[in-house]
C-alpha atoms as a PDB file:
ATOM      1  CA  MET A   1      29.735  32.474 -12.235  1.00  0.00           C
ATOM      2  CA  PRO A   2      28.335  29.271 -10.716  1.00  0.00           C
ATOM      3  CA  ARG A   3      30.066  27.942  -7.661  1.00  0.00           C
ATOM      4  CA  PHE A   4      30.307  24.449  -9.145  1.00  0.00           C
ATOM      5  CA  PRO A   5      30.721  24.604 -12.896  1.00  0.00           C
ATOM      6  CA  LEU A   6      28.850  22.029 -14.958  1.00  0.00           C
ATOM      7  CA  THR A   7      31.372  19.416 -16.006  1.00  0.00           C
ATOM      8  CA  VAL A   8      28.879  16.869 -17.334  1.00  0.00           C
ATOM      9  CA  ASP A   9      27.557  16.880 -20.856  1.00  0.00           C
ATOM     10  CA  PRO A  10      24.109  18.578 -20.802  1.00  0.00           C
ATOM     11  CA  ALA A  11      22.609  15.661 -22.756  1.00  0.00           C
ATOM     12  CA  ARG A  12      23.806  13.229 -20.082  1.00  0.00           C
ATOM     13  CA  ASN A  13      22.438  15.530 -17.408  1.00  0.00           C
ATOM     14  CA  ARG A  14      19.008  15.572 -19.099  1.00  0.00           C
ATOM     15  CA  ALA A  15      19.083  11.794 -19.460  1.00  0.00           C
ATOM     16  CA  ALA A  16      19.937  11.392 -15.784  1.00  0.00           C
ATOM     17  CA  ARG A  17      17.092  13.726 -14.811  1.00  0.00           C
ATOM     18  CA  ALA A  18      14.694  11.743 -17.008  1.00  0.00           C
ATOM     19  CA  ARG A  19      15.782   8.465 -15.364  1.00  0.00           C
ATOM     20  CA  LEU A  20      15.370  10.004 -11.918  1.00  0.00           C
ATOM     21  CA  GLY A  21      11.913  11.286 -12.832  1.00  0.00           C
ATOM     22  CA  ALA A  22      10.894   7.864 -14.138  1.00  0.00           C
ATOM     23  CA  ALA A  23      12.184   6.204 -10.967  1.00  0.00           C
ATOM     24  CA  ARG A  24      10.212   8.655  -8.839  1.00  0.00           C
ATOM     25  CA  ARG A  25       7.032   7.948 -10.819  1.00  0.00           C
ATOM     26  CA  ARG A  26       7.528   4.179 -10.439  1.00  0.00           C
ATOM     27  CA  PHE A  27       8.118   4.649  -6.705  1.00  0.00           C
ATOM     28  CA  ASP A  28       4.953   6.743  -6.367  1.00  0.00           C
ATOM     29  CA  LEU A  29       2.921   4.141  -8.265  1.00  0.00           C
ATOM     30  CA  SER A  30       4.298   1.306  -6.150  1.00  0.00           C
ATOM     31  CA  THR A  31       3.529   3.265  -2.979  1.00  0.00           C
ATOM     32  CA  ILE A  32      -0.053   3.779  -4.146  1.00  0.00           C
ATOM     33  CA  ALA A  33      -0.378   0.073  -4.952  1.00  0.00           C
ATOM     34  CA  LEU A  34       1.033  -0.870  -1.544  1.00  0.00           C
ATOM     35  CA  ARG A  35      -1.398   1.440   0.254  1.00  0.00           C
ATOM     36  CA  LYS A  36      -4.314   0.013  -1.736  1.00  0.00           C
ATOM     37  CA  ALA A  37      -3.246  -3.546  -0.919  1.00  0.00           C
ATOM     38  CA  ALA A  38      -2.922  -2.674   2.776  1.00  0.00           C
ATOM     39  CA  LEU A  39      -6.400  -1.128   2.835  1.00  0.00           C
ATOM     40  CA  ASP A  40      -7.849  -4.162   1.037  1.00  0.00           C
ATOM     41  CA  HIS A  41      -6.191  -6.404   3.614  1.00  0.00           C
ATOM     42  CA  VAL A  42      -7.637  -4.376   6.491  1.00  0.00           C
ATOM     43  CA  ASP A  43     -11.096  -4.483   4.899  1.00  0.00           C
ATOM     44  CA  GLY A  44     -10.772  -8.256   4.560  1.00  0.00           C
ATOM     45  CA  GLU A  45      -9.718  -8.556   8.186  1.00  0.00           C
ATOM     46  CA  ILE A  46     -12.779  -6.551   9.246  1.00  0.00           C
ATOM     47  CA  LEU A  47     -15.055  -8.958   7.342  1.00  0.00           C
ATOM     48  CA  VAL A  48     -13.356 -12.004   8.853  1.00  0.00           C
ATOM     49  CA  SER A  49     -13.534 -10.469  12.315  1.00  0.00           C
ATOM     50  CA  ALA A  50     -17.263  -9.773  11.945  1.00  0.00           C
ATOM     51  CA  ALA A  51     -17.901 -13.317  10.727  1.00  0.00           C
ATOM     52  CA  LEU A  52     -15.953 -14.818  13.633  1.00  0.00           C
ATOM     53  CA  GLN A  53     -17.765 -12.591  16.118  1.00  0.00           C
ATOM     54  CA  ALA A  54     -21.139 -13.689  14.724  1.00  0.00           C
ATOM     55  CA  ALA A  55     -20.098 -17.346  14.932  1.00  0.00           C
ATOM     56  CA  LEU A  56     -18.977 -16.914  18.551  1.00  0.00           C
ATOM     57  CA  GLU A  57     -22.258 -15.254  19.426  1.00  0.00           C
ATOM     58  CA  ARG A  58     -24.202 -18.135  17.830  1.00  0.00           C
ATOM     59  CA  LEU A  59     -22.149 -20.675  19.766  1.00  0.00           C
ATOM     60  CA  ALA A  60     -22.580 -18.791  23.031  1.00  0.00           C
ATOM     61  CA  ALA A  61     -26.361 -18.523  22.641  1.00  0.00           C
ATOM     62  CA  PRO A  62     -28.457 -21.070  24.488  1.00  0.00           C
ATOM     63  CA  THR A  63     -29.617 -23.868  22.213  1.00  0.00           C
ATOM     64  CA  GLY A  64     -32.963 -24.487  23.834  1.00  0.00           C
ATOM     65  CA  PRO A  65     -34.342 -26.769  26.574  1.00  0.00           C
ATOM     66  CA  ALA A  66     -32.102 -29.607  27.645  1.00  0.00           C
ATOM     67  CA  LEU A  67     -33.542 -33.107  27.613  1.00  0.00           C
END
């Protein structure tokens, strides 16, 4: 005999499990999307950082003989 007898209608229990499963799938998909967005952001920051570094190096380079 189960310790806690089932007092909920089995159909309601199945429906609740289905809703929980759907919520978990949505959460997993949103987590994947968030990770992808974060990685895209980091990749963008790397490109911007490289461009800024190149610009600083160009500015720091001597321009040629002074008049």
